[in-house]
Amino acid sequence: MTIAKDKLTQWQELNDRRLRLQREAKTVNEAIGLLEEEFEKELTASEKPSVVRNGFTLAWEVSKKKVSVEWKKEFIRELGADKAIAIQEGVADEESKKFTILPPKTMAS
């Protein structure tokens, strides 16, 4: 099977675009984070569960979930360190592969 040069060139162009957009997204996320910090300070200063500013509601969203159990410590305490180590050592290694495309050195940016 042969891959046409135009497909590899297309991949290179799309990959360059993806990387540029990721950099832009990072910058946008950082700006959003700074604004959200400012909004959170405003809500905290109000000492209320929610406030409305220019039509936008700033609020604390409360949710309940089960508290995480330190299962590993509990497991070792119940089973014993030697047994836990034996189980861990008995687990087979897992091989993984990640597909990578490297552009020709002349096309690298």
PDB file of N, CA and C in Angstrom:
ATOM      1  N   MET A   1       0.845  -1.177   0.000  1.00  0.00           N
ATOM      2  CA  MET A   1       0.000   0.000   0.000  1.00  0.00           C
ATOM      3  C   MET A   1       0.894   1.244   0.000  1.00  0.00           C
ATOM      4  N   THR A   2       0.589   2.164  -0.871  1.00  0.00           N
ATOM      5  CA  THR A   2       1.363   3.392  -0.985  1.00  0.00           C
ATOM      6  C   THR A   2       0.487   4.576  -0.602  1.00  0.00           C
ATOM      7  N   ILE A   3       1.042   5.450   0.191  1.00  0.00           N
ATOM      8  CA  ILE A   3       0.320   6.664   0.584  1.00  0.00           C
ATOM      9  C   ILE A   3       0.770   7.786  -0.335  1.00  0.00           C
ATOM     10  N   ALA A   4      -0.197   8.451  -0.940  1.00  0.00           N
ATOM     11  CA  ALA A   4       0.115   9.527  -1.877  1.00  0.00           C
ATOM     12  C   ALA A   4       0.728  10.710  -1.140  1.00  0.00           C
ATOM     13  N   LYS A   5       1.642  11.373  -1.813  1.00  0.00           N
ATOM     14  CA  LYS A   5       2.342  12.523  -1.234  1.00  0.00           C
ATOM     15  C   LYS A   5       1.353  13.615  -0.828  1.00  0.00           C
ATOM     16  N   ASP A   6       0.300  13.813  -1.628  1.00  0.00           N
ATOM     17  CA  ASP A   6      -0.657  14.881  -1.309  1.00  0.00           C
ATOM     18  C   ASP A   6      -1.398  14.614   0.001  1.00  0.00           C
ATOM     19  N   LYS A   7      -1.604  13.348   0.343  1.00  0.00           N
ATOM     20  CA  LYS A   7      -2.258  13.024   1.616  1.00  0.00           C
ATOM     21  C   LYS A   7      -1.335  13.344   2.785  1.00  0.00           C
ATOM     22  N   LEU A   8      -0.056  13.049   2.629  1.00  0.00           N
ATOM     23  CA  LEU A   8       0.894  13.372   3.687  1.00  0.00           C
ATOM     24  C   LEU A   8       1.055  14.882   3.832  1.00  0.00           C
ATOM     25  N   THR A   9       1.050  15.585   2.711  1.00  0.00           N
ATOM     26  CA  THR A   9       1.129  17.044   2.748  1.00  0.00           C
ATOM     27  C   THR A   9      -0.123  17.614   3.411  1.00  0.00           C
ATOM     28  N   GLN A  10      -1.274  17.050   3.083  1.00  0.00           N
ATOM     29  CA  GLN A  10      -2.524  17.486   3.705  1.00  0.00           C
ATOM     30  C   GLN A  10      -2.454  17.256   5.216  1.00  0.00           C
ATOM     31  N   TRP A  11      -1.953  16.091   5.629  1.00  0.00           N
ATOM     32  CA  TRP A  11      -1.810  15.803   7.049  1.00  0.00           C
ATOM     33  C   TRP A  11      -0.922  16.856   7.715  1.00  0.00           C
ATOM     34  N   GLN A  12       0.190  17.199   7.074  1.00  0.00           N
ATOM     35  CA  GLN A  12       1.129  18.173   7.631  1.00  0.00           C
ATOM     36  C   GLN A  12       0.449  19.529   7.817  1.00  0.00           C
ATOM     37  N   GLU A  13      -0.314  19.957   6.814  1.00  0.00           N
ATOM     38  CA  GLU A  13      -1.004  21.244   6.890  1.00  0.00           C
ATOM     39  C   GLU A  13      -2.054  21.233   8.004  1.00  0.00           C
ATOM     40  N   LEU A  14      -2.826  20.159   8.090  1.00  0.00           N
ATOM     41  CA  LEU A  14      -3.848  20.055   9.135  1.00  0.00           C
ATOM     42  C   LEU A  14      -3.216  19.984  10.524  1.00  0.00           C
ATOM     43  N   ASN A  15      -2.128  19.267  10.636  1.00  0.00           N
ATOM     44  CA  ASN A  15      -1.447  19.148  11.923  1.00  0.00           C
ATOM     45  C   ASN A  15      -0.886  20.500  12.361  1.00  0.00           C
ATOM     46  N   ASP A  16      -0.291  21.254  11.436  1.00  0.00           N
ATOM     47  CA  ASP A  16       0.210  22.590  11.756  1.00  0.00           C
ATOM     48  C   ASP A  16      -0.940  23.485  12.234  1.00  0.00           C
ATOM     49  N   ARG A  17      -2.084  23.382  11.561  1.00  0.00           N
ATOM     50  CA  ARG A  17      -3.253  24.177  11.936  1.00  0.00           C
ATOM     51  C   ARG A  17      -3.742  23.784  13.329  1.00  0.00           C
ATOM     52  N   ARG A  18      -3.785  22.474  13.594  1.00  0.00           N
ATOM     53  CA  ARG A  18      -4.214  21.973  14.907  1.00  0.00           C
ATOM     54  C   ARG A  18      -3.323  22.517  16.013  1.00  0.00           C
ATOM     55  N   LEU A  19      -2.010  22.489  15.798  1.00  0.00           N
ATOM     56  CA  LEU A  19      -1.066  22.986  16.807  1.00  0.00           C
ATOM     57  C   LEU A  19      -1.249  24.484  17.042  1.00  0.00           C
ATOM     58  N   ARG A  20      -1.471  25.251  15.955  1.00  0.00           N
ATOM     59  CA  ARG A  20      -1.700  26.688  16.083  1.00  0.00           C
ATOM     60  C   ARG A  20      -2.970  26.963  16.879  1.00  0.00           C
ATOM     61  N   LEU A  21      -4.028  26.216  16.579  1.00  0.00           N
ATOM     62  CA  LEU A  21      -5.292  26.400  17.281  1.00  0.00           C
ATOM     63  C   LEU A  21      -5.179  26.008  18.752  1.00  0.00           C
ATOM     64  N   GLN A  22      -4.385  24.980  19.051  1.00  0.00           N
ATOM     65  CA  GLN A  22      -4.174  24.599  20.449  1.00  0.00           C
ATOM     66  C   GLN A  22      -3.474  25.723  21.212  1.00  0.00           C
ATOM     67  N   ARG A  23      -2.488  26.365  20.578  1.00  0.00           N
ATOM     68  CA  ARG A  23      -1.803  27.484  21.228  1.00  0.00           C
ATOM     69  C   ARG A  23      -2.776  28.634  21.465  1.00  0.00           C
ATOM     70  N   GLU A  24      -3.620  28.919  20.468  1.00  0.00           N
ATOM     71  CA  GLU A  24      -4.610  29.979  20.618  1.00  0.00           C
ATOM     72  C   GLU A  24      -5.598  29.637  21.727  1.00  0.00           C
ATOM     73  N   ALA A  25      -6.031  28.380  21.776  1.00  0.00           N
ATOM     74  CA  ALA A  25      -6.984  27.953  22.805  1.00  0.00           C
ATOM     75  C   ALA A  25      -6.377  28.095  24.196  1.00  0.00           C
ATOM     76  N   LYS A  26      -5.103  27.804  24.322  1.00  0.00           N
ATOM     77  CA  LYS A  26      -4.432  27.944  25.616  1.00  0.00           C
ATOM     78  C   LYS A  26      -4.463  29.400  26.075  1.00  0.00           C
ATOM     79  N   THR A  27      -4.186  30.318  25.156  1.00  0.00           N
ATOM     80  CA  THR A  27      -4.200  31.742  25.474  1.00  0.00           C
ATOM     81  C   THR A  27      -5.605  32.185  25.885  1.00  0.00           C
ATOM     82  N   VAL A  28      -6.611  31.731  25.163  1.00  0.00           N
ATOM     83  CA  VAL A  28      -7.996  32.073  25.476  1.00  0.00           C
ATOM     84  C   VAL A  28      -8.381  31.509  26.845  1.00  0.00           C
ATOM     85  N   ASN A  29      -8.008  30.271  27.123  1.00  0.00           N
ATOM     86  CA  ASN A  29      -8.327  29.657  28.419  1.00  0.00           C
ATOM     87  C   ASN A  29      -7.675  30.415  29.569  1.00  0.00           C
ATOM     88  N   GLU A  30      -6.455  30.883  29.371  1.00  0.00           N
ATOM     89  CA  GLU A  30      -5.777  31.651  30.417  1.00  0.00           C
ATOM     90  C   GLU A  30      -6.515  32.965  30.676  1.00  0.00           C
ATOM     91  N   ALA A  31      -6.958  33.635  29.617  1.00  0.00           N
ATOM     92  CA  ALA A  31      -7.705  34.883  29.766  1.00  0.00           C
ATOM     93  C   ALA A  31      -9.034  34.641  30.488  1.00  0.00           C
ATOM     94  N   ILE A  32      -9.705  33.567  30.130  1.00  0.00           N
ATOM     95  CA  ILE A  32     -10.969  33.210  30.786  1.00  0.00           C
ATOM     96  C   ILE A  32     -10.720  32.936  32.264  1.00  0.00           C
ATOM     97  N   GLY A  33      -9.652  32.230  32.573  1.00  0.00           N
ATOM     98  CA  GLY A  33      -9.323  31.928  33.960  1.00  0.00           C
ATOM     99  C   GLY A  33      -9.119  33.178  34.796  1.00  0.00           C
ATOM    100  N   LEU A  34      -8.437  34.172  34.240  1.00  0.00           N
ATOM    101  CA  LEU A  34      -8.215  35.433  34.957  1.00  0.00           C
ATOM    102  C   LEU A  34      -9.535  36.156  35.223  1.00  0.00           C
ATOM    103  N   LEU A  35     -10.415  36.172  34.220  1.00  0.00           N
ATOM    104  CA  LEU A  35     -11.730  36.800  34.406  1.00  0.00           C
ATOM    105  C   LEU A  35     -12.542  36.057  35.464  1.00  0.00           C
ATOM    106  N   GLU A  36     -12.519  34.727  35.418  1.00  0.00           N
ATOM    107  CA  GLU A  36     -13.284  33.942  36.382  1.00  0.00           C
ATOM    108  C   GLU A  36     -12.773  34.156  37.802  1.00  0.00           C
ATOM    109  N   GLU A  37     -11.460  34.321  37.966  1.00  0.00           N
ATOM    110  CA  GLU A  37     -10.917  34.625  39.291  1.00  0.00           C
ATOM    111  C   GLU A  37     -11.494  35.939  39.808  1.00  0.00           C
ATOM    112  N   GLU A  38     -11.554  36.942  38.935  1.00  0.00           N
ATOM    113  CA  GLU A  38     -12.113  38.247  39.310  1.00  0.00           C
ATOM    114  C   GLU A  38     -13.585  38.113  39.698  1.00  0.00           C
ATOM    115  N   PHE A  39     -14.351  37.333  38.917  1.00  0.00           N
ATOM    116  CA  PHE A  39     -15.771  37.142  39.197  1.00  0.00           C
ATOM    117  C   PHE A  39     -15.967  36.398  40.516  1.00  0.00           C
ATOM    118  N   GLU A  40     -15.111  35.419  40.773  1.00  0.00           N
ATOM    119  CA  GLU A  40     -15.215  34.645  42.014  1.00  0.00           C
ATOM    120  C   GLU A  40     -14.939  35.541  43.226  1.00  0.00           C
ATOM    121  N   LYS A  41     -13.967  36.432  43.101  1.00  0.00           N
ATOM    122  CA  LYS A  41     -13.677  37.380  44.190  1.00  0.00           C
ATOM    123  C   LYS A  41     -14.896  38.265  44.461  1.00  0.00           C
ATOM    124  N   GLU A  42     -15.559  38.702  43.405  1.00  0.00           N
ATOM    125  CA  GLU A  42     -16.768  39.524  43.545  1.00  0.00           C
ATOM    126  C   GLU A  42     -17.844  38.753  44.302  1.00  0.00           C
ATOM    127  N   LEU A  43     -18.053  37.500  43.941  1.00  0.00           N
ATOM    128  CA  LEU A  43     -19.067  36.686  44.605  1.00  0.00           C
ATOM    129  C   LEU A  43     -18.684  36.452  46.064  1.00  0.00           C
ATOM    130  N   THR A  44     -17.424  36.138  46.325  1.00  0.00           N
ATOM    131  CA  THR A  44     -16.960  35.908  47.687  1.00  0.00           C
ATOM    132  C   THR A  44     -17.155  37.152  48.543  1.00  0.00           C
ATOM    133  N   ALA A  45     -16.812  38.305  47.998  1.00  0.00           N
ATOM    134  CA  ALA A  45     -16.948  39.573  48.729  1.00  0.00           C
ATOM    135  C   ALA A  45     -18.405  39.862  49.072  1.00  0.00           C
ATOM    136  N   SER A  46     -19.331  39.395  48.237  1.00  0.00           N
ATOM    137  CA  SER A  46     -20.753  39.651  48.488  1.00  0.00           C
ATOM    138  C   SER A  46     -21.277  38.846  49.671  1.00  0.00           C
ATOM    139  N   GLU A  47     -20.595  37.767  50.023  1.00  0.00           N
ATOM    140  CA  GLU A  47     -21.011  36.851  51.103  1.00  0.00           C
ATOM    141  C   GLU A  47     -22.415  36.298  50.869  1.00  0.00           C
ATOM    142  N   LYS A  48     -22.801  36.174  49.604  1.00  0.00           N
ATOM    143  CA  LYS A  48     -24.101  35.607  49.226  1.00  0.00           C
ATOM    144  C   LYS A  48     -23.855  34.359  48.379  1.00  0.00           C
ATOM    145  N   PRO A  49     -24.858  33.482  48.275  1.00  0.00           N
ATOM    146  CA  PRO A  49     -24.693  32.295  47.429  1.00  0.00           C
ATOM    147  C   PRO A  49     -24.734  32.616  45.940  1.00  0.00           C
ATOM    148  N   SER A  50     -25.334  33.768  45.586  1.00  0.00           N
ATOM    149  CA  SER A  50     -25.365  34.185  44.186  1.00  0.00           C
ATOM    150  C   SER A  50     -25.596  35.692  44.101  1.00  0.00           C
ATOM    151  N   VAL A  51     -25.110  36.267  43.011  1.00  0.00           N
ATOM    152  CA  VAL A  51     -25.338  37.686  42.730  1.00  0.00           C
ATOM    153  C   VAL A  51     -25.568  37.835  41.231  1.00  0.00           C
ATOM    154  N   VAL A  52     -26.280  38.885  40.858  1.00  0.00           N
ATOM    155  CA  VAL A  52     -26.512  39.160  39.441  1.00  0.00           C
ATOM    156  C   VAL A  52     -25.733  40.415  39.091  1.00  0.00           C
ATOM    157  N   ARG A  53     -24.930  40.315  38.048  1.00  0.00           N
ATOM    158  CA  ARG A  53     -24.156  41.450  37.568  1.00  0.00           C
ATOM    159  C   ARG A  53     -24.393  41.597  36.072  1.00  0.00           C
ATOM    160  N   ASN A  54     -25.032  42.722  35.703  1.00  0.00           N
ATOM    161  CA  ASN A  54     -25.326  43.005  34.293  1.00  0.00           C
ATOM    162  C   ASN A  54     -26.049  41.848  33.599  1.00  0.00           C
ATOM    163  N   GLY A  55     -26.975  41.244  34.317  1.00  0.00           N
ATOM    164  CA  GLY A  55     -27.770  40.155  33.754  1.00  0.00           C
ATOM    165  C   GLY A  55     -27.152  38.767  33.918  1.00  0.00           C
ATOM    166  N   PHE A  56     -25.887  38.697  34.281  1.00  0.00           N
ATOM    167  CA  PHE A  56     -25.216  37.416  34.480  1.00  0.00           C
ATOM    168  C   PHE A  56     -25.297  37.026  35.956  1.00  0.00           C
ATOM    169  N   THR A  57     -25.657  35.779  36.221  1.00  0.00           N
ATOM    170  CA  THR A  57     -25.711  35.304  37.596  1.00  0.00           C
ATOM    171  C   THR A  57     -24.392  34.624  37.942  1.00  0.00           C
ATOM    172  N   LEU A  58     -23.776  35.121  38.997  1.00  0.00           N
ATOM    173  CA  LEU A  58     -22.580  34.478  39.535  1.00  0.00           C
ATOM    174  C   LEU A  58     -23.046  33.706  40.759  1.00  0.00           C
ATOM    175  N   ALA A  59     -22.770  32.412  40.823  1.00  0.00           N
ATOM    176  CA  ALA A  59     -23.306  31.609  41.921  1.00  0.00           C
ATOM    177  C   ALA A  59     -22.363  30.470  42.281  1.00  0.00           C
ATOM    178  N   TRP A  60     -22.497  30.034  43.524  1.00  0.00           N
ATOM    179  CA  TRP A  60     -21.796  28.822  43.960  1.00  0.00           C
ATOM    180  C   TRP A  60     -22.687  27.649  43.608  1.00  0.00           C
ATOM    181  N   GLU A  61     -22.183  26.731  42.843  1.00  0.00           N
ATOM    182  CA  GLU A  61     -22.936  25.531  42.493  1.00  0.00           C
ATOM    183  C   GLU A  61     -22.542  24.451  43.483  1.00  0.00           C
ATOM    184  N   VAL A  62     -23.484  24.022  44.278  1.00  0.00           N
ATOM    185  CA  VAL A  62     -23.210  23.041  45.323  1.00  0.00           C
ATOM    186  C   VAL A  62     -23.611  21.666  44.817  1.00  0.00           C
ATOM    187  N   SER A  63     -22.697  20.736  44.961  1.00  0.00           N
ATOM    188  CA  SER A  63     -23.018  19.356  44.594  1.00  0.00           C
ATOM    189  C   SER A  63     -22.455  18.440  45.667  1.00  0.00           C
ATOM    190  N   LYS A  64     -23.111  17.329  45.842  1.00  0.00           N
ATOM    191  CA  LYS A  64     -22.663  16.366  46.845  1.00  0.00           C
ATOM    192  C   LYS A  64     -22.230  15.097  46.135  1.00  0.00           C
ATOM    193  N   LYS A  65     -21.143  14.544  46.627  1.00  0.00           N
ATOM    194  CA  LYS A  65     -20.697  13.257  46.096  1.00  0.00           C
ATOM    195  C   LYS A  65     -20.061  12.481  47.237  1.00  0.00           C
ATOM    196  N   LYS A  66     -19.941  11.215  47.030  1.00  0.00           N
ATOM    197  CA  LYS A  66     -19.339  10.374  48.049  1.00  0.00           C
ATOM    198  C   LYS A  66     -17.892  10.797  48.272  1.00  0.00           C
ATOM    199  N   VAL A  67     -17.498  10.796  49.519  1.00  0.00           N
ATOM    200  CA  VAL A  67     -16.123  11.130  49.855  1.00  0.00           C
ATOM    201  C   VAL A  67     -15.227   9.980  49.406  1.00  0.00           C
ATOM    202  N   SER A  68     -14.108  10.326  48.808  1.00  0.00           N
ATOM    203  CA  SER A  68     -13.177   9.324  48.319  1.00  0.00           C
ATOM    204  C   SER A  68     -12.567   8.549  49.486  1.00  0.00           C
ATOM    205  N   VAL A  69     -12.491   7.264  49.326  1.00  0.00           N
ATOM    206  CA  VAL A  69     -11.890   6.413  50.346  1.00  0.00           C
ATOM    207  C   VAL A  69     -10.445   6.145  49.953  1.00  0.00           C
ATOM    208  N   GLU A  70      -9.580   6.245  50.916  1.00  0.00           N
ATOM    209  CA  GLU A  70      -8.176   5.921  50.663  1.00  0.00           C
ATOM    210  C   GLU A  70      -8.085   4.396  50.538  1.00  0.00           C
ATOM    211  N   TRP A  71      -8.577   3.891  49.392  1.00  0.00           N
ATOM    212  CA  TRP A  71      -8.727   2.450  49.236  1.00  0.00           C
ATOM    213  C   TRP A  71      -7.394   1.713  49.286  1.00  0.00           C
ATOM    214  N   LYS A  72      -6.332   2.305  48.775  1.00  0.00           N
ATOM    215  CA  LYS A  72      -5.055   1.597  48.735  1.00  0.00           C
ATOM    216  C   LYS A  72      -4.538   1.338  50.147  1.00  0.00           C
ATOM    217  N   LYS A  73      -4.597   2.367  50.988  1.00  0.00           N
ATOM    218  CA  LYS A  73      -4.156   2.200  52.376  1.00  0.00           C
ATOM    219  C   LYS A  73      -5.014   1.170  53.092  1.00  0.00           C
ATOM    220  N   GLU A  74      -6.338   1.254  52.875  1.00  0.00           N
ATOM    221  CA  GLU A  74      -7.251   0.304  53.510  1.00  0.00           C
ATOM    222  C   GLU A  74      -6.993  -1.121  53.014  1.00  0.00           C
ATOM    223  N   PHE A  75      -6.755  -1.254  51.714  1.00  0.00           N
ATOM    224  CA  PHE A  75      -6.484  -2.556  51.117  1.00  0.00           C
ATOM    225  C   PHE A  75      -5.238  -3.181  51.736  1.00  0.00           C
ATOM    226  N   ILE A  76      -4.178  -2.396  51.833  1.00  0.00           N
ATOM    227  CA  ILE A  76      -2.919  -2.897  52.403  1.00  0.00           C
ATOM    228  C   ILE A  76      -3.105  -3.214  53.884  1.00  0.00           C
ATOM    229  N   ARG A  77      -3.845  -2.373  54.581  1.00  0.00           N
ATOM    230  CA  ARG A  77      -4.070  -2.616  56.008  1.00  0.00           C
ATOM    231  C   ARG A  77      -4.825  -3.925  56.215  1.00  0.00           C
ATOM    232  N   GLU A  78      -5.814  -4.173  55.391  1.00  0.00           N
ATOM    233  CA  GLU A  78      -6.616  -5.389  55.525  1.00  0.00           C
ATOM    234  C   GLU A  78      -5.866  -6.635  55.053  1.00  0.00           C
ATOM    235  N   LEU A  79      -5.168  -6.509  53.945  1.00  0.00           N
ATOM    236  CA  LEU A  79      -4.539  -7.663  53.312  1.00  0.00           C
ATOM    237  C   LEU A  79      -3.123  -7.903  53.807  1.00  0.00           C
ATOM    238  N   GLY A  80      -2.459  -6.823  54.157  1.00  0.00           N
ATOM    239  CA  GLY A  80      -1.058  -6.925  54.552  1.00  0.00           C
ATOM    240  C   GLY A  80      -0.172  -6.517  53.387  1.00  0.00           C
ATOM    241  N   ALA A  81       0.931  -5.852  53.703  1.00  0.00           N
ATOM    242  CA  ALA A  81       1.823  -5.319  52.672  1.00  0.00           C
ATOM    243  C   ALA A  81       2.402  -6.420  51.798  1.00  0.00           C
ATOM    244  N   ASP A  82       2.829  -7.544  52.402  1.00  0.00           N
ATOM    245  CA  ASP A  82       3.437  -8.624  51.610  1.00  0.00           C
ATOM    246  C   ASP A  82       2.466  -9.174  50.575  1.00  0.00           C
ATOM    247  N   LYS A  83       1.224  -9.385  50.956  1.00  0.00           N
ATOM    248  CA  LYS A  83       0.217  -9.911  50.033  1.00  0.00           C
ATOM    249  C   LYS A  83      -0.074  -8.886  48.931  1.00  0.00           C
ATOM    250  N   ALA A  84      -0.165  -7.619  49.297  1.00  0.00           N
ATOM    251  CA  ALA A  84      -0.430  -6.567  48.309  1.00  0.00           C
ATOM    252  C   ALA A  84       0.705  -6.486  47.293  1.00  0.00           C
ATOM    253  N   ILE A  85       1.941  -6.569  47.761  1.00  0.00           N
ATOM    254  CA  ILE A  85       3.104  -6.531  46.863  1.00  0.00           C
ATOM    255  C   ILE A  85       3.089  -7.740  45.942  1.00  0.00           C
ATOM    256  N   ALA A  86       2.773  -8.911  46.467  1.00  0.00           N
ATOM    257  CA  ALA A  86       2.732 -10.134  45.655  1.00  0.00           C
ATOM    258  C   ALA A  86       1.686 -10.008  44.548  1.00  0.00           C
ATOM    259  N   ILE A  87       0.544  -9.441  44.878  1.00  0.00           N
ATOM    260  CA  ILE A  87      -0.509  -9.257  43.870  1.00  0.00           C
ATOM    261  C   ILE A  87      -0.038  -8.278  42.798  1.00  0.00           C
ATOM    262  N   GLN A  88       0.556  -7.163  43.218  1.00  0.00           N
ATOM    263  CA  GLN A  88       1.017  -6.156  42.276  1.00  0.00           C
ATOM    264  C   GLN A  88       2.092  -6.713  41.356  1.00  0.00           C
ATOM    265  N   GLU A  89       3.026  -7.503  41.904  1.00  0.00           N
ATOM    266  CA  GLU A  89       4.099  -8.080  41.089  1.00  0.00           C
ATOM    267  C   GLU A  89       3.574  -9.141  40.138  1.00  0.00           C
ATOM    268  N   GLY A  90       2.422  -9.729  40.444  1.00  0.00           N
ATOM    269  CA  GLY A  90       1.850 -10.765  39.601  1.00  0.00           C
ATOM    270  C   GLY A  90       1.095 -10.247  38.393  1.00  0.00           C
ATOM    271  N   VAL A  91       0.887  -8.949  38.336  1.00  0.00           N
ATOM    272  CA  VAL A  91       0.157  -8.353  37.215  1.00  0.00           C
ATOM    273  C   VAL A  91       1.084  -8.251  36.009  1.00  0.00           C
ATOM    274  N   ALA A  92       0.608  -8.696  34.868  1.00  0.00           N
ATOM    275  CA  ALA A  92       1.413  -8.679  33.644  1.00  0.00           C
ATOM    276  C   ALA A  92       1.590  -7.252  33.132  1.00  0.00           C
ATOM    277  N   ASP A  93       2.717  -7.008  32.498  1.00  0.00           N
ATOM    278  CA  ASP A  93       2.953  -5.709  31.874  1.00  0.00           C
ATOM    279  C   ASP A  93       2.066  -5.579  30.641  1.00  0.00           C
ATOM    280  N   GLU A  94       1.639  -4.379  30.371  1.00  0.00           N
ATOM    281  CA  GLU A  94       0.807  -4.126  29.203  1.00  0.00           C
ATOM    282  C   GLU A  94       1.597  -3.313  28.197  1.00  0.00           C
ATOM    283  N   GLU A  95       1.629  -3.802  26.981  1.00  0.00           N
ATOM    284  CA  GLU A  95       2.350  -3.085  25.934  1.00  0.00           C
ATOM    285  C   GLU A  95       1.392  -2.146  25.229  1.00  0.00           C
ATOM    286  N   SER A  96       1.859  -0.956  24.950  1.00  0.00           N
ATOM    287  CA  SER A  96       1.024  -0.018  24.210  1.00  0.00           C
ATOM    288  C   SER A  96       1.849   0.604  23.094  1.00  0.00           C
ATOM    289  N   LYS A  97       1.155   0.995  22.041  1.00  0.00           N
ATOM    290  CA  LYS A  97       1.798   1.650  20.911  1.00  0.00           C
ATOM    291  C   LYS A  97       1.017   2.898  20.578  1.00  0.00           C
ATOM    292  N   LYS A  98       1.720   3.930  20.205  1.00  0.00           N
ATOM    293  CA  LYS A  98       1.072   5.173  19.783  1.00  0.00           C
ATOM    294  C   LYS A  98       1.551   5.475  18.368  1.00  0.00           C
ATOM    295  N   PHE A  99       0.617   5.670  17.482  1.00  0.00           N
ATOM    296  CA  PHE A  99       0.936   5.976  16.099  1.00  0.00           C
ATOM    297  C   PHE A  99       1.482   7.391  16.014  1.00  0.00           C
ATOM    298  N   THR A 100       2.596   7.572  15.331  1.00  0.00           N
ATOM    299  CA  THR A 100       3.218   8.879  15.190  1.00  0.00           C
ATOM    300  C   THR A 100       3.569   9.122  13.737  1.00  0.00           C
ATOM    301  N   ILE A 101       3.445  10.344  13.293  1.00  0.00           N
ATOM    302  CA  ILE A 101       3.868  10.729  11.949  1.00  0.00           C
ATOM    303  C   ILE A 101       4.906  11.818  12.123  1.00  0.00           C
ATOM    304  N   LEU A 102       6.077  11.614  11.568  1.00  0.00           N
ATOM    305  CA  LEU A 102       7.130  12.606  11.607  1.00  0.00           C
ATOM    306  C   LEU A 102       7.306  13.162  10.199  1.00  0.00           C
ATOM    307  N   PRO A 103       7.241  14.484  10.028  1.00  0.00           N
ATOM    308  CA  PRO A 103       7.381  15.059   8.698  1.00  0.00           C
ATOM    309  C   PRO A 103       8.831  14.969   8.231  1.00  0.00           C
ATOM    310  N   PRO A 104       9.050  15.049   6.926  1.00  0.00           N
ATOM    311  CA  PRO A 104      10.423  15.055   6.433  1.00  0.00           C
ATOM    312  C   PRO A 104      11.151  16.254   7.030  1.00  0.00           C
ATOM    313  N   LYS A 105      12.446  16.130   7.197  1.00  0.00           N
ATOM    314  CA  LYS A 105      13.236  17.208   7.820  1.00  0.00           C
ATOM    315  C   LYS A 105      13.111  18.512   7.042  1.00  0.00           C
ATOM    316  N   THR A 106      12.919  18.447   5.741  1.00  0.00           N
ATOM    317  CA  THR A 106      12.800  19.677   4.949  1.00  0.00           C
ATOM    318  C   THR A 106      11.482  20.383   5.196  1.00  0.00           C
ATOM    319  N   MET A 107      10.450  19.655   5.668  1.00  0.00           N
ATOM    320  CA  MET A 107       9.129  20.242   5.917  1.00  0.00           C
ATOM    321  C   MET A 107       8.977  20.676   7.361  1.00  0.00           C
ATOM    322  N   ALA A 108       9.886  20.270   8.235  1.00  0.00           N
ATOM    323  CA  ALA A 108       9.741  20.581   9.659  1.00  0.00           C
ATOM    324  C   ALA A 108       9.763  22.087   9.873  1.00  0.00           C
ATOM    325  N   SER A 109       8.942  22.531  10.834  1.00  0.00           N
ATOM    326  CA  SER A 109       8.898  23.964  11.094  1.00  0.00           C
ATOM    327  C   SER A 109       9.767  24.341  12.255  1.00  0.00           C
TER     328      SER A 109
END
